[in-house]
Protein backbone atom coordinates (compact mmCIF):
# COMPACT_ATOMS: atom_id res chain seq x y z
CA MET A 1 -77.02 -33.30 119.70
CA LEU A 2 -79.78 -31.45 118.26
CA GLY A 3 -82.17 -31.17 121.15
CA GLU A 4 -84.51 -33.01 123.12
CA VAL A 5 -87.98 -32.47 121.44
CA LEU A 6 -87.65 -32.05 117.41
CA THR A 7 -91.44 -31.94 115.33
CA ALA A 8 -91.24 -33.31 112.22
CA VAL A 9 -93.23 -30.57 111.01
CA VAL A 10 -96.02 -30.75 107.99
CA THR A 11 -95.86 -29.55 104.59
CA PRO A 12 -98.85 -26.86 104.44
CA PHE A 13 -100.50 -26.47 100.88
CA ASP A 14 -102.46 -24.10 99.66
CA GLU A 15 -106.24 -24.54 98.06
CA ASP A 16 -104.32 -25.19 94.62
CA GLY A 17 -102.19 -27.73 96.12
CA ARG A 18 -98.65 -25.67 96.69
CA VAL A 19 -96.69 -25.59 99.02
CA ASP A 20 -97.98 -22.47 101.59
CA PHE A 21 -94.29 -21.01 102.59
CA ASP A 22 -95.96 -18.62 104.92
CA THR A 23 -97.90 -20.69 106.58
CA PHE A 24 -94.94 -22.88 106.86
CA ARG A 25 -92.73 -20.52 108.54
CA ARG A 26 -95.29 -19.58 110.92
CA LEU A 27 -96.24 -22.83 112.08
CA CYS A 28 -91.83 -23.16 112.51
CA ALA A 29 -92.19 -20.78 114.75
CA HIS A 30 -94.78 -21.32 116.52
CA LEU A 31 -93.74 -24.69 117.44
CA VAL A 32 -90.14 -23.40 118.48
CA GLU A 33 -92.01 -21.03 121.43
CA HIS A 34 -93.86 -24.36 122.17
CA GLY A 35 -91.60 -26.63 123.71
CA SER A 36 -89.77 -27.71 120.31
CA ASP A 37 -85.86 -27.46 119.80
CA GLY A 38 -85.82 -27.84 116.58
CA VAL A 39 -87.89 -29.11 113.34
CA VAL A 40 -87.58 -32.14 110.95
CA VAL A 41 -88.36 -30.38 107.56
CA ALA A 42 -89.66 -32.72 104.63
CA GLY A 43 -90.00 -36.21 106.57
CA THR A 44 -92.63 -38.80 106.47
CA THR A 45 -94.82 -36.25 108.04
CA GLY A 46 -94.07 -33.57 105.64
CA GLU A 47 -95.35 -35.81 103.10
CA SER A 48 -91.56 -35.84 101.67
CA PRO A 49 -92.39 -38.58 98.59
CA THR A 50 -94.48 -36.01 96.91
CA LEU A 51 -92.40 -33.02 97.18
CA SER A 52 -90.56 -32.08 94.54
CA ASP A 53 -86.27 -31.01 94.88
CA ASP A 54 -86.83 -27.37 94.58
CA GLU A 55 -89.79 -27.68 96.79
CA ARG A 56 -87.62 -29.54 99.50
CA VAL A 57 -84.74 -27.17 99.59
CA GLU A 58 -86.88 -24.04 99.60
CA LEU A 59 -88.87 -25.37 102.95
CA PHE A 60 -85.19 -26.05 104.33
CA SER A 61 -84.28 -22.33 103.52
CA ALA A 62 -87.71 -21.09 104.66
CA ALA A 63 -86.78 -23.23 108.19
CA VAL A 64 -83.71 -22.01 108.59
CA ALA A 65 -84.62 -18.48 108.10
CA ALA A 66 -87.54 -18.62 110.49
CA VAL A 67 -86.06 -20.60 113.46
CA GLY A 68 -82.52 -21.41 112.64
CA ASP A 69 -81.09 -18.97 114.70
CA ARG A 70 -82.95 -20.03 117.83
CA ALA A 71 -83.83 -23.90 116.99
CA ALA A 72 -82.09 -26.86 115.24
CA VAL A 73 -83.24 -27.61 111.68
CA VAL A 74 -83.17 -31.20 110.17
CA ALA A 75 -83.63 -31.82 106.69
CA GLY A 76 -84.88 -35.14 105.63
CA THR A 77 -82.64 -36.43 102.80
CA GLY A 78 -82.99 -40.07 102.95
CA THR A 79 -84.65 -41.31 99.62
CA TYR A 80 -84.25 -45.54 98.60
CA SER A 81 -81.75 -43.84 95.89
CA THR A 82 -78.18 -43.45 97.22
CA ALA A 83 -77.74 -40.96 94.23
CA HIS A 84 -80.71 -38.57 94.74
CA SER A 85 -80.11 -38.86 98.75
CA VAL A 86 -76.45 -37.69 97.68
CA HIS A 87 -77.86 -34.71 95.80
CA LEU A 88 -80.04 -33.45 98.19
CA THR A 89 -77.96 -33.54 101.04
CA GLY A 90 -75.89 -31.41 99.25
CA ARG A 91 -78.45 -29.16 98.70
CA ALA A 92 -79.67 -29.21 102.26
CA ARG A 93 -75.83 -28.22 103.46
CA GLU A 94 -76.07 -25.21 101.15
CA ALA A 95 -79.33 -24.03 102.52
CA GLY A 96 -77.92 -23.79 106.13
CA VAL A 97 -79.47 -26.50 107.83
CA ASP A 98 -77.90 -28.24 111.13
CA GLY A 99 -78.69 -32.15 110.45
CA LEU A 100 -79.32 -34.33 108.23
CA LEU A 101 -82.66 -36.95 109.42
CA VAL A 102 -81.93 -40.40 106.35
CA VAL A 103 -84.50 -43.16 106.56
CA THR A 104 -83.42 -46.99 105.63
CA PRO A 105 -83.39 -47.15 101.61
CA TYR A 106 -87.42 -48.29 101.75
CA TYR A 107 -88.99 -50.38 98.88
CA ASN A 108 -85.42 -52.55 97.12
CA LYS A 109 -84.70 -53.69 100.93
CA PRO A 110 -80.84 -53.37 100.72
CA PRO A 111 -78.52 -56.11 103.17
CA PRO A 112 -76.92 -54.42 105.92
CA ARG A 113 -74.06 -53.74 104.08
CA GLY A 114 -75.71 -51.90 101.43
CA VAL A 115 -77.14 -49.99 104.08
CA VAL A 116 -73.89 -49.26 105.27
CA ALA A 117 -72.36 -48.47 102.42
CA HIS A 118 -76.08 -45.97 101.33
CA PHE A 119 -75.12 -43.94 104.63
CA ARG A 120 -70.96 -43.92 103.81
CA ALA A 121 -72.00 -42.20 100.56
CA ILE A 122 -74.18 -39.70 101.91
CA ALA A 123 -71.59 -38.93 105.14
CA GLU A 124 -68.75 -38.45 102.58
CA VAL A 125 -70.59 -35.20 101.00
CA SER A 126 -71.40 -33.11 104.28
CA ASP A 127 -69.83 -32.89 107.33
CA LEU A 128 -73.56 -32.41 109.39
CA PRO A 129 -74.95 -34.68 112.14
CA ILE A 130 -76.87 -37.48 110.50
CA ILE A 131 -79.80 -39.15 112.54
CA VAL A 132 -80.61 -42.68 111.26
CA TYR A 133 -83.89 -43.49 110.95
CA ASN A 134 -84.98 -46.93 111.72
CA ILE A 135 -88.69 -47.73 111.11
CA PRO A 136 -89.19 -50.76 109.75
CA SER A 137 -93.16 -50.53 109.40
CA ARG A 138 -92.45 -48.31 106.59
CA VAL A 139 -89.32 -49.72 105.06
CA VAL A 140 -90.14 -53.81 105.92
CA VAL A 141 -86.51 -53.45 106.69
CA ASN A 142 -85.44 -53.52 110.35
CA LEU A 143 -81.71 -51.95 111.17
CA GLU A 144 -80.42 -54.27 113.90
CA PRO A 145 -78.90 -53.41 116.74
CA GLU A 146 -75.50 -54.37 115.17
CA THR A 147 -75.83 -52.38 111.78
CA ILE A 148 -76.80 -49.98 113.92
CA ALA A 149 -73.16 -49.88 115.37
CA GLU A 150 -71.65 -50.18 112.49
CA LEU A 151 -73.48 -47.03 111.42
CA GLY A 152 -71.79 -45.51 114.46
CA GLU A 153 -68.64 -46.18 113.33
CA ILE A 154 -68.91 -43.06 110.57
CA PRO A 155 -67.67 -40.42 112.10
CA THR A 156 -70.96 -37.83 111.23
CA VAL A 157 -73.42 -40.57 112.56
CA ARG A 158 -74.83 -38.90 115.94
CA ALA A 159 -78.09 -40.19 116.32
CA VAL A 160 -80.75 -42.58 115.78
CA LYS A 161 -84.37 -42.24 115.43
CA GLN A 162 -85.72 -45.51 116.75
CA ALA A 163 -89.79 -46.09 115.56
CA ASN A 164 -89.49 -49.69 116.85
CA ASP A 165 -90.96 -51.00 120.05
CA ASP A 166 -88.30 -53.55 120.99
CA LEU A 167 -87.27 -52.37 123.79
CA THR A 168 -83.96 -54.82 124.11
CA GLN A 169 -82.78 -53.51 120.94
CA ALA A 170 -83.58 -49.62 122.15
CA ARG A 171 -81.66 -50.98 125.04
CA ARG A 172 -78.94 -52.27 122.97
CA ILE A 173 -77.98 -49.15 121.15
CA VAL A 174 -77.38 -47.35 124.28
CA GLU A 175 -75.29 -49.92 125.80
CA GLU A 176 -73.72 -50.69 122.77
CA THR A 177 -73.02 -47.25 120.63
CA ASP A 178 -72.32 -43.71 121.63
CA LEU A 179 -75.31 -43.08 119.74
CA THR A 180 -78.33 -40.49 120.62
CA LEU A 181 -81.37 -42.05 121.07
CA TYR A 182 -84.30 -40.50 119.75
CA ALA A 183 -87.37 -42.09 120.22
CA GLY A 184 -89.59 -42.18 116.52
CA ASP A 185 -92.96 -43.60 117.73
CA ASP A 186 -94.37 -40.66 120.23
CA ASN A 187 -95.58 -42.86 123.04
CA LEU A 188 -91.82 -44.47 123.01
CA ILE A 189 -90.80 -40.79 124.41
CA PHE A 190 -90.79 -41.87 128.10
CA PRO A 191 -90.15 -45.54 127.92
CA LEU A 192 -86.77 -44.38 125.86
CA LEU A 193 -85.60 -41.59 128.20
CA GLU A 194 -85.89 -44.73 131.17
CA LEU A 195 -83.36 -46.40 128.84
CA GLY A 196 -81.09 -43.59 128.40
CA GLY A 197 -82.77 -41.46 125.23
CA VAL A 198 -82.85 -37.74 125.22
CA GLY A 199 -86.38 -37.23 123.68
CA GLY A 200 -88.43 -37.84 120.72
CA VAL A 201 -88.56 -36.73 117.14
CA CYS A 202 -92.42 -36.31 117.82
CA VAL A 203 -95.87 -35.41 115.26
CA HIS A 204 -97.72 -34.93 118.52
CA THR A 205 -96.02 -31.89 119.28
CA HIS A 206 -97.24 -29.87 117.01
CA LEU A 207 -100.52 -29.59 119.49
CA TRP A 208 -98.66 -30.77 122.72
CA GLY A 209 -95.45 -29.71 122.49
CA PRO A 210 -94.88 -27.84 126.34
CA GLN A 211 -96.13 -30.80 127.67
CA VAL A 212 -94.04 -33.13 126.11
CA LYS A 213 -90.90 -30.35 126.89
CA GLU A 214 -92.23 -30.45 130.58
CA MET A 215 -91.89 -34.35 130.24
CA VAL A 216 -88.49 -34.81 129.24
CA ARG A 217 -87.38 -31.73 131.78
CA ARG A 218 -89.02 -33.62 134.59
CA PHE A 219 -87.61 -36.90 133.80
CA ARG A 220 -83.75 -35.23 133.51
CA ASP A 221 -84.73 -33.75 137.06
CA GLY A 222 -85.21 -36.69 138.79
CA ASP A 223 -88.82 -36.35 138.89
CA VAL A 224 -89.49 -40.09 137.43
CA GLU A 225 -93.18 -40.09 138.68
CA GLY A 226 -94.07 -36.67 137.63
CA ALA A 227 -92.73 -37.41 133.94
CA ARG A 228 -94.78 -40.63 134.11
CA ALA A 229 -97.86 -38.84 134.94
CA LEU A 230 -97.73 -36.76 132.05
CA ASP A 231 -97.15 -39.35 130.12
CA ARG A 232 -100.40 -40.78 130.59
CA GLU A 233 -101.43 -37.32 130.59
CA LEU A 234 -100.85 -37.78 126.82
CA GLU A 235 -102.65 -40.99 125.92
CA PRO A 236 -104.92 -38.83 124.15
CA ALA A 237 -102.44 -37.34 121.90
CA TYR A 238 -101.26 -41.07 121.29
CA ASP A 239 -104.89 -41.97 120.08
CA LEU A 240 -105.27 -39.35 117.88
CA LEU A 241 -102.04 -40.91 115.93
CA LYS A 242 -104.16 -44.62 115.88
CA VAL A 243 -106.51 -43.07 114.43
CA VAL A 244 -105.49 -43.04 110.57
CA VAL A 245 -102.32 -43.13 109.30
CA ASN A 246 -99.93 -39.61 109.65
CA PRO A 247 -99.88 -37.06 108.53
CA ILE A 248 -103.68 -37.76 107.80
CA GLY A 249 -104.30 -37.65 111.62
CA ILE A 250 -102.14 -34.46 112.36
CA LYS A 251 -103.00 -32.19 109.92
CA ALA A 252 -107.30 -32.84 110.40
CA ALA A 253 -106.09 -32.25 114.26
CA LEU A 254 -104.29 -28.98 112.83
CA ALA A 255 -107.09 -27.84 111.07
CA MET A 256 -109.53 -28.18 113.77
CA ALA A 257 -106.96 -26.25 116.23
CA GLY A 258 -107.07 -23.71 114.09
CA TRP A 259 -103.79 -24.16 111.66
CA ASP A 260 -105.09 -23.55 108.15
CA VAL A 261 -102.47 -26.07 106.84
CA GLY A 262 -104.22 -27.50 103.74
CA GLY A 263 -104.99 -30.56 102.05
CA LEU A 264 -102.88 -33.60 101.40
CA ARG A 265 -101.14 -35.00 97.95
CA LEU A 266 -102.36 -37.67 96.54
CA PRO A 267 -101.68 -40.82 97.40
CA LEU A 268 -102.73 -39.53 100.61
CA VAL A 269 -106.33 -38.71 101.32
CA GLU A 270 -108.27 -36.55 103.56
CA ALA A 271 -109.50 -38.09 106.82
CA SER A 272 -113.00 -39.37 106.62
CA GLU A 273 -116.16 -38.24 108.51
CA ASP A 274 -115.98 -40.80 111.16
CA GLU A 275 -112.14 -40.28 111.45
CA LYS A 276 -112.29 -36.40 111.84
CA ALA A 277 -115.05 -37.58 114.81
CA ARG A 278 -112.29 -39.87 116.60
CA ILE A 279 -110.03 -37.18 116.30
CA ARG A 280 -112.13 -34.76 117.27
CA GLU A 281 -112.34 -36.35 120.37
CA THR A 282 -109.09 -36.77 121.50
CA LEU A 283 -108.55 -33.32 121.36
CA GLU A 284 -111.53 -32.74 123.44
CA ARG A 285 -110.05 -35.40 126.10
CA SER A 286 -107.06 -33.78 126.13
CA GLY A 287 -108.18 -29.85 125.97
CA VAL A 288 -106.74 -28.83 123.05
CA LEU A 289 -110.09 -27.57 121.13
CA GLU A 290 -110.81 -25.22 124.44
CA ALA A 291 -107.23 -24.57 124.26
CA ALA A 292 -107.51 -23.05 121.02
CA ARG A 293 -110.92 -21.13 121.56
CA ALA A 294 -109.19 -18.82 123.99
């Protein structure tokens, strides 16, 4: 297991749109010091489709240098191209990462046997543990439990990031495979803990990391009601992520909390004034802005 709480870290940009590696390293260190067992680099939240291969690899190396001695670094290497994913996986391994996050191939909608072949090809070039990323809302294709079970037969496929709110499917993953189950949507962490999941690959832990780690700890210690209470307290964080598509919202929230992570690369655009007002309301409701000022 690569940890219970992994933060899918944003990619900071400077005023000219270049990757701000200094801020990225500081942010990774901050996250690990505030609840995260590791970071996922160049995932959806990291705006991976807009990054060059060299930028991705330099981010992998920067994360390893910043926190690799005390936390897991997971590299996002999945694309809709198997050959490109294999290439990125090889470079990530050379950069010294601890694991891989590989999303279901998107856009070209392969059948299940194509998905399995895709993951097998990636596994052949690395001995690193692979987290399968099932997110049908973005890639259209849902990995059914039968397909996930077949993926679980690949020796280095060790976990699933399940961004699918069908709890019956999540239960089947736990019952029918030996894979570690991570919540892929932040509001699913507690429900999946109840089913046997270990935690989540999160966005809101940029700002609510200690609370999420405490929620998982309470659940592990048998304090289910205490964990449930924290889950309810995190509702403003879940609301923030509903305002506008990720990572627009979390970057706006980080800026309000004092983190200058810069803008976004097209086709993503900055939050509108209305969206910023709604984001600010969620931060005020949860006390994040008050804590940032202190």
